[in-house]
Amino acid sequence: MEQKKPYIIKEQPGTKYYCACSSSKNLPYCDGSHKGSGLHPVKVEIDEEKTVAICSCGLSANPPYCDGSHKSAQ
């Protein structure tokens, strides 16, 4: 289920796959629910531990990161 604010996550270094279809049961991470939809997860390399804001509304111009677009959609 989509939410009205970004997912704020303290990420560890490594490869992350963020959901692009909103059907994952493990949002904001991809669980493969997109298969057959033509959509693909957003792959991100995290180089160091950091806190990220992951878009949950699908309106960001900088996916998978939140750019505040959800505020204009309310």
PDB file of N, CA and C in Angstrom:
ATOM      1  N   MET A   1       0.835  -1.177   0.000  1.00  0.00           N
ATOM      2  CA  MET A   1       0.000   0.000   0.000  1.00  0.00           C
ATOM      3  C   MET A   1       0.883   1.244   0.000  1.00  0.00           C
ATOM      4  N   GLU A   2       0.531   2.208  -0.817  1.00  0.00           N
ATOM      5  CA  GLU A   2       1.274   3.458  -0.864  1.00  0.00           C
ATOM      6  C   GLU A   2       0.934   4.287   0.363  1.00  0.00           C
ATOM      7  N   GLN A   3       1.876   5.082   0.787  1.00  0.00           N
ATOM      8  CA  GLN A   3       1.629   5.994   1.894  1.00  0.00           C
ATOM      9  C   GLN A   3       1.801   7.419   1.401  1.00  0.00           C
ATOM     10  N   LYS A   4       1.457   8.389   2.217  1.00  0.00           N
ATOM     11  CA  LYS A   4       1.471   9.790   1.784  1.00  0.00           C
ATOM     12  C   LYS A   4       2.747  10.523   2.166  1.00  0.00           C
ATOM     13  N   LYS A   5       3.737   9.812   2.635  1.00  0.00           N
ATOM     14  CA  LYS A   5       5.016  10.418   2.987  1.00  0.00           C
ATOM     15  C   LYS A   5       6.122   9.444   2.590  1.00  0.00           C
ATOM     16  N   PRO A   6       7.345   9.916   2.473  1.00  0.00           N
ATOM     17  CA  PRO A   6       8.431   9.018   2.047  1.00  0.00           C
ATOM     18  C   PRO A   6       8.771   7.987   3.120  1.00  0.00           C
ATOM     19  N   TYR A   7       9.383   6.913   2.680  1.00  0.00           N
ATOM     20  CA  TYR A   7       9.942   5.920   3.590  1.00  0.00           C
ATOM     21  C   TYR A   7      11.305   6.448   4.006  1.00  0.00           C
ATOM     22  N   ILE A   8      11.521   6.671   5.282  1.00  0.00           N
ATOM     23  CA  ILE A   8      12.802   7.139   5.792  1.00  0.00           C
ATOM     24  C   ILE A   8      13.530   5.913   6.337  1.00  0.00           C
ATOM     25  N   ILE A   9      14.675   5.584   5.723  1.00  0.00           N
ATOM     26  CA  ILE A   9      15.375   4.344   6.033  1.00  0.00           C
ATOM     27  C   ILE A   9      16.852   4.607   6.257  1.00  0.00           C
ATOM     28  N   LYS A  10      17.383   4.033   7.308  1.00  0.00           N
ATOM     29  CA  LYS A  10      18.829   4.070   7.533  1.00  0.00           C
ATOM     30  C   LYS A  10      19.398   2.855   6.797  1.00  0.00           C
ATOM     31  N   GLU A  11      20.014   3.104   5.658  1.00  0.00           N
ATOM     32  CA  GLU A  11      20.528   2.030   4.802  1.00  0.00           C
ATOM     33  C   GLU A  11      22.001   1.742   5.094  1.00  0.00           C
ATOM     34  N   GLN A  12      22.335   0.480   4.963  1.00  0.00           N
ATOM     35  CA  GLN A  12      23.712   0.020   5.050  1.00  0.00           C
ATOM     36  C   GLN A  12      24.282  -0.049   3.629  1.00  0.00           C
ATOM     37  N   PRO A  13      25.595  -0.054   3.496  1.00  0.00           N
ATOM     38  CA  PRO A  13      26.195  -0.155   2.158  1.00  0.00           C
ATOM     39  C   PRO A  13      25.748  -1.432   1.442  1.00  0.00           C
ATOM     40  N   GLY A  14      25.611  -1.320   0.132  1.00  0.00           N
ATOM     41  CA  GLY A  14      25.249  -2.471  -0.685  1.00  0.00           C
ATOM     42  C   GLY A  14      24.292  -2.084  -1.792  1.00  0.00           C
ATOM     43  N   THR A  15      23.880  -3.076  -2.560  1.00  0.00           N
ATOM     44  CA  THR A  15      22.947  -2.884  -3.656  1.00  0.00           C
ATOM     45  C   THR A  15      21.525  -2.998  -3.135  1.00  0.00           C
ATOM     46  N   LYS A  16      20.696  -2.032  -3.449  1.00  0.00           N
ATOM     47  CA  LYS A  16      19.291  -2.015  -3.032  1.00  0.00           C
ATOM     48  C   LYS A  16      18.421  -1.980  -4.273  1.00  0.00           C
ATOM     49  N   TYR A  17      17.287  -2.646  -4.195  1.00  0.00           N
ATOM     50  CA  TYR A  17      16.310  -2.632  -5.273  1.00  0.00           C
ATOM     51  C   TYR A  17      15.001  -2.111  -4.694  1.00  0.00           C
ATOM     52  N   TYR A  18      14.606  -0.909  -5.119  1.00  0.00           N
ATOM     53  CA  TYR A  18      13.390  -0.289  -4.624  1.00  0.00           C
ATOM     54  C   TYR A  18      12.241  -0.516  -5.606  1.00  0.00           C
ATOM     55  N   CYS A  19      11.075  -0.795  -5.066  1.00  0.00           N
ATOM     56  CA  CYS A  19       9.880  -1.096  -5.847  1.00  0.00           C
ATOM     57  C   CYS A  19       9.483   0.089  -6.725  1.00  0.00           C
ATOM     58  N   ALA A  20       9.091  -0.203  -7.958  1.00  0.00           N
ATOM     59  CA  ALA A  20       8.609   0.826  -8.882  1.00  0.00           C
ATOM     60  C   ALA A  20       7.146   0.599  -9.265  1.00  0.00           C
ATOM     61  N   CYS A  21       6.558  -0.518  -8.797  1.00  0.00           N
ATOM     62  CA  CYS A  21       5.192  -0.845  -9.207  1.00  0.00           C
ATOM     63  C   CYS A  21       4.157  -0.663  -8.096  1.00  0.00           C
ATOM     64  N   SER A  22       4.603  -0.467  -6.879  1.00  0.00           N
ATOM     65  CA  SER A  22       3.741  -0.306  -5.696  1.00  0.00           C
ATOM     66  C   SER A  22       2.992  -1.575  -5.309  1.00  0.00           C
ATOM     67  N   SER A  23       3.361  -2.719  -5.859  1.00  0.00           N
ATOM     68  CA  SER A  23       2.682  -3.969  -5.534  1.00  0.00           C
ATOM     69  C   SER A  23       3.452  -4.849  -4.556  1.00  0.00           C
ATOM     70  N   SER A  24       4.662  -4.463  -4.226  1.00  0.00           N
ATOM     71  CA  SER A  24       5.486  -5.252  -3.319  1.00  0.00           C
ATOM     72  C   SER A  24       4.828  -5.379  -1.954  1.00  0.00           C
ATOM     73  N   LYS A  25       4.974  -6.529  -1.342  1.00  0.00           N
ATOM     74  CA  LYS A  25       4.493  -6.745   0.021  1.00  0.00           C
ATOM     75  C   LYS A  25       5.537  -6.277   1.024  1.00  0.00           C
ATOM     76  N   ASN A  26       6.682  -5.802   0.529  1.00  0.00           N
ATOM     77  CA  ASN A  26       7.797  -5.388   1.371  1.00  0.00           C
ATOM     78  C   ASN A  26       8.265  -3.975   0.995  1.00  0.00           C
ATOM     79  N   LEU A  27       7.304  -3.067   0.777  1.00  0.00           N
ATOM     80  CA  LEU A  27       7.655  -1.707   0.374  1.00  0.00           C
ATOM     81  C   LEU A  27       8.566  -1.044   1.397  1.00  0.00           C
ATOM     82  N   PRO A  28       9.552  -0.302   0.956  1.00  0.00           N
ATOM     83  CA  PRO A  28       9.763   0.192  -0.399  1.00  0.00           C
ATOM     84  C   PRO A  28      10.628  -0.733  -1.247  1.00  0.00           C
ATOM     85  N   TYR A  29      10.940  -1.911  -0.743  1.00  0.00           N
ATOM     86  CA  TYR A  29      11.828  -2.822  -1.474  1.00  0.00           C
ATOM     87  C   TYR A  29      11.050  -3.682  -2.468  1.00  0.00           C
ATOM     88  N   CYS A  30      11.698  -4.035  -3.554  1.00  0.00           N
ATOM     89  CA  CYS A  30      11.115  -4.904  -4.571  1.00  0.00           C
ATOM     90  C   CYS A  30      11.064  -6.337  -4.054  1.00  0.00           C
ATOM     91  N   ASP A  31       9.936  -7.006  -4.285  1.00  0.00           N
ATOM     92  CA  ASP A  31       9.828  -8.431  -3.962  1.00  0.00           C
ATOM     93  C   ASP A  31       9.498  -9.267  -5.200  1.00  0.00           C
ATOM     94  N   GLY A  32       9.593  -8.652  -6.380  1.00  0.00           N
ATOM     95  CA  GLY A  32       9.328  -9.361  -7.627  1.00  0.00           C
ATOM     96  C   GLY A  32       7.885  -9.289  -8.087  1.00  0.00           C
ATOM     97  N   SER A  33       7.033  -8.579  -7.368  1.00  0.00           N
ATOM     98  CA  SER A  33       5.612  -8.482  -7.733  1.00  0.00           C
ATOM     99  C   SER A  33       5.383  -7.814  -9.086  1.00  0.00           C
ATOM    100  N   HIS A  34       6.373  -7.108  -9.600  1.00  0.00           N
ATOM    101  CA  HIS A  34       6.248  -6.402 -10.884  1.00  0.00           C
ATOM    102  C   HIS A  34       6.284  -7.341 -12.081  1.00  0.00           C
ATOM    103  N   LYS A  35       6.693  -8.576 -11.900  1.00  0.00           N
ATOM    104  CA  LYS A  35       6.876  -9.486 -13.039  1.00  0.00           C
ATOM    105  C   LYS A  35       5.646  -9.505 -13.945  1.00  0.00           C
ATOM    106  N   GLY A  36       5.885  -9.308 -15.226  1.00  0.00           N
ATOM    107  CA  GLY A  36       4.823  -9.278 -16.219  1.00  0.00           C
ATOM    108  C   GLY A  36       4.194  -7.910 -16.416  1.00  0.00           C
ATOM    109  N   SER A  37       4.602  -6.925 -15.634  1.00  0.00           N
ATOM    110  CA  SER A  37       3.991  -5.590 -15.719  1.00  0.00           C
ATOM    111  C   SER A  37       4.738  -4.662 -16.676  1.00  0.00           C
ATOM    112  N   GLY A  38       5.969  -5.045 -17.036  1.00  0.00           N
ATOM    113  CA  GLY A  38       6.792  -4.165 -17.858  1.00  0.00           C
ATOM    114  C   GLY A  38       7.595  -3.172 -17.028  1.00  0.00           C
ATOM    115  N   LEU A  39       7.345  -3.125 -15.743  1.00  0.00           N
ATOM    116  CA  LEU A  39       8.092  -2.245 -14.840  1.00  0.00           C
ATOM    117  C   LEU A  39       9.279  -2.994 -14.257  1.00  0.00           C
ATOM    118  N   HIS A  40      10.259  -2.253 -13.778  1.00  0.00           N
ATOM    119  CA  HIS A  40      11.457  -2.845 -13.183  1.00  0.00           C
ATOM    120  C   HIS A  40      11.816  -2.076 -11.930  1.00  0.00           C
ATOM    121  N   PRO A  41      12.410  -2.750 -10.944  1.00  0.00           N
ATOM    122  CA  PRO A  41      12.810  -2.038  -9.733  1.00  0.00           C
ATOM    123  C   PRO A  41      13.919  -1.036 -10.028  1.00  0.00           C
ATOM    124  N   VAL A  42      14.071  -0.081  -9.125  1.00  0.00           N
ATOM    125  CA  VAL A  42      15.132   0.917  -9.246  1.00  0.00           C
ATOM    126  C   VAL A  42      16.326   0.411  -8.436  1.00  0.00           C
ATOM    127  N   LYS A  43      17.431   0.170  -9.129  1.00  0.00           N
ATOM    128  CA  LYS A  43      18.643  -0.337  -8.496  1.00  0.00           C
ATOM    129  C   LYS A  43      19.493   0.842  -8.022  1.00  0.00           C
ATOM    130  N   VAL A  44      19.933   0.777  -6.767  1.00  0.00           N
ATOM    131  CA  VAL A  44      20.749   1.841  -6.185  1.00  0.00           C
ATOM    132  C   VAL A  44      21.926   1.205  -5.454  1.00  0.00           C
ATOM    133  N   GLU A  45      23.104   1.773  -5.665  1.00  0.00           N
ATOM    134  CA  GLU A  45      24.303   1.361  -4.926  1.00  0.00           C
ATOM    135  C   GLU A  45      24.501   2.335  -3.771  1.00  0.00           C
ATOM    136  N   ILE A  46      24.461   1.823  -2.569  1.00  0.00           N
ATOM    137  CA  ILE A  46      24.706   2.636  -1.376  1.00  0.00           C
ATOM    138  C   ILE A  46      26.161   2.403  -0.983  1.00  0.00           C
ATOM    139  N   ASP A  47      26.956   3.468  -0.981  1.00  0.00           N
ATOM    140  CA  ASP A  47      28.395   3.351  -0.714  1.00  0.00           C
ATOM    141  C   ASP A  47      28.747   3.370   0.761  1.00  0.00           C
ATOM    142  N   GLU A  48      27.921   4.051   1.557  1.00  0.00           N
ATOM    143  CA  GLU A  48      28.200   4.156   2.983  1.00  0.00           C
ATOM    144  C   GLU A  48      26.874   4.231   3.732  1.00  0.00           C
ATOM    145  N   GLU A  49      26.890   3.899   5.014  1.00  0.00           N
ATOM    146  CA  GLU A  49      25.673   3.986   5.805  1.00  0.00           C
ATOM    147  C   GLU A  49      25.120   5.402   5.730  1.00  0.00           C
ATOM    148  N   LYS A  50      23.825   5.501   5.419  1.00  0.00           N
ATOM    149  CA  LYS A  50      23.193   6.813   5.361  1.00  0.00           C
ATOM    150  C   LYS A  50      21.685   6.657   5.436  1.00  0.00           C
ATOM    151  N   THR A  51      21.030   7.741   5.792  1.00  0.00           N
ATOM    152  CA  THR A  51      19.578   7.760   5.845  1.00  0.00           C
ATOM    153  C   THR A  51      19.061   8.306   4.523  1.00  0.00           C
ATOM    154  N   VAL A  52      18.108   7.595   3.936  1.00  0.00           N
ATOM    155  CA  VAL A  52      17.528   7.998   2.654  1.00  0.00           C
ATOM    156  C   VAL A  52      16.016   8.169   2.797  1.00  0.00           C
ATOM    157  N   ALA A  53      15.446   9.017   1.955  1.00  0.00           N
ATOM    158  CA  ALA A  53      13.995   9.213   1.879  1.00  0.00           C
ATOM    159  C   ALA A  53      13.547   8.647   0.541  1.00  0.00           C
ATOM    160  N   ILE A  54      12.844   7.531   0.578  1.00  0.00           N
ATOM    161  CA  ILE A  54      12.406   6.836  -0.631  1.00  0.00           C
ATOM    162  C   ILE A  54      10.968   7.234  -0.959  1.00  0.00           C
ATOM    163  N   CYS A  55      10.742   7.660  -2.182  1.00  0.00           N
ATOM    164  CA  CYS A  55       9.426   8.096  -2.647  1.00  0.00           C
ATOM    165  C   CYS A  55       8.390   6.977  -2.474  1.00  0.00           C
ATOM    166  N   SER A  56       7.218   7.360  -1.989  1.00  0.00           N
ATOM    167  CA  SER A  56       6.121   6.399  -1.871  1.00  0.00           C
ATOM    168  C   SER A  56       4.924   6.781  -2.737  1.00  0.00           C
ATOM    169  N   CYS A  57       4.950   7.979  -3.334  1.00  0.00           N
ATOM    170  CA  CYS A  57       3.788   8.444  -4.098  1.00  0.00           C
ATOM    171  C   CYS A  57       3.913   8.194  -5.600  1.00  0.00           C
ATOM    172  N   GLY A  58       5.137   7.919  -6.070  1.00  0.00           N
ATOM    173  CA  GLY A  58       5.345   7.678  -7.491  1.00  0.00           C
ATOM    174  C   GLY A  58       5.452   8.939  -8.327  1.00  0.00           C
ATOM    175  N   LEU A  59       5.493  10.101  -7.701  1.00  0.00           N
ATOM    176  CA  LEU A  59       5.529  11.360  -8.439  1.00  0.00           C
ATOM    177  C   LEU A  59       6.908  12.005  -8.497  1.00  0.00           C
ATOM    178  N   SER A  60       7.874  11.487  -7.776  1.00  0.00           N
ATOM    179  CA  SER A  60       9.199  12.099  -7.720  1.00  0.00           C
ATOM    180  C   SER A  60       9.846  12.162  -9.101  1.00  0.00           C
ATOM    181  N   ALA A  61      10.503  13.262  -9.369  1.00  0.00           N
ATOM    182  CA  ALA A  61      11.264  13.408 -10.611  1.00  0.00           C
ATOM    183  C   ALA A  61      12.656  12.806 -10.462  1.00  0.00           C
ATOM    184  N   ASN A  62      12.982  12.305  -9.266  1.00  0.00           N
ATOM    185  CA  ASN A  62      14.296  11.743  -8.978  1.00  0.00           C
ATOM    186  C   ASN A  62      14.156  10.383  -8.290  1.00  0.00           C
ATOM    187  N   PRO A  63      13.437   9.419  -8.920  1.00  0.00           N
ATOM    188  CA  PRO A  63      13.236   8.131  -8.267  1.00  0.00           C
ATOM    189  C   PRO A  63      14.549   7.384  -8.049  1.00  0.00           C
ATOM    190  N   PRO A  64      14.698   6.656  -6.974  1.00  0.00           N
ATOM    191  CA  PRO A  64      13.668   6.322  -5.994  1.00  0.00           C
ATOM    192  C   PRO A  64      13.557   7.326  -4.862  1.00  0.00           C
ATOM    193  N   TYR A  65      14.280   8.439  -4.959  1.00  0.00           N
ATOM    194  CA  TYR A  65      14.325   9.377  -3.845  1.00  0.00           C
ATOM    195  C   TYR A  65      13.150  10.353  -3.856  1.00  0.00           C
ATOM    196  N   CYS A  66      12.689  10.700  -2.675  1.00  0.00           N
ATOM    197  CA  CYS A  66      11.610  11.684  -2.518  1.00  0.00           C
ATOM    198  C   CYS A  66      12.124  13.070  -2.870  1.00  0.00           C
ATOM    199  N   ASP A  67      11.342  13.821  -3.636  1.00  0.00           N
ATOM    200  CA  ASP A  67      11.686  15.215  -3.932  1.00  0.00           C
ATOM    201  C   ASP A  67      10.604  16.172  -3.446  1.00  0.00           C
ATOM    202  N   GLY A  68       9.683  15.676  -2.630  1.00  0.00           N
ATOM    203  CA  GLY A  68       8.626  16.499  -2.076  1.00  0.00           C
ATOM    204  C   GLY A  68       7.387  16.598  -2.947  1.00  0.00           C
ATOM    205  N   SER A  69       7.344  15.890  -4.069  1.00  0.00           N
ATOM    206  CA  SER A  69       6.188  15.964  -4.979  1.00  0.00           C
ATOM    207  C   SER A  69       4.886  15.533  -4.327  1.00  0.00           C
ATOM    208  N   HIS A  70       4.969  14.680  -3.316  1.00  0.00           N
ATOM    209  CA  HIS A  70       3.750  14.207  -2.648  1.00  0.00           C
ATOM    210  C   HIS A  70       2.981  15.360  -1.994  1.00  0.00           C
ATOM    211  N   LYS A  71       3.663  16.430  -1.651  1.00  0.00           N
ATOM    212  CA  LYS A  71       3.003  17.568  -0.996  1.00  0.00           C
ATOM    213  C   LYS A  71       2.008  18.246  -1.929  1.00  0.00           C
ATOM    214  N   SER A  72       2.327  18.280  -3.212  1.00  0.00           N
ATOM    215  CA  SER A  72       1.409  18.923  -4.170  1.00  0.00           C
ATOM    216  C   SER A  72       0.265  18.006  -4.570  1.00  0.00           C
ATOM    217  N   ALA A  73       0.364  16.725  -4.242  1.00  0.00           N
ATOM    218  CA  ALA A  73      -0.667  15.763  -4.616  1.00  0.00           C
ATOM    219  C   ALA A  73      -1.737  15.629  -3.528  1.00  0.00           C
ATOM    220  N   GLN A  74      -1.561  16.280  -2.394  1.00  0.00           N
ATOM    221  CA  GLN A  74      -2.519  16.131  -1.293  1.00  0.00           C
ATOM    222  C   GLN A  74      -3.701  17.032  -1.447  1.00  0.00           C
TER     223      GLN A  74
END
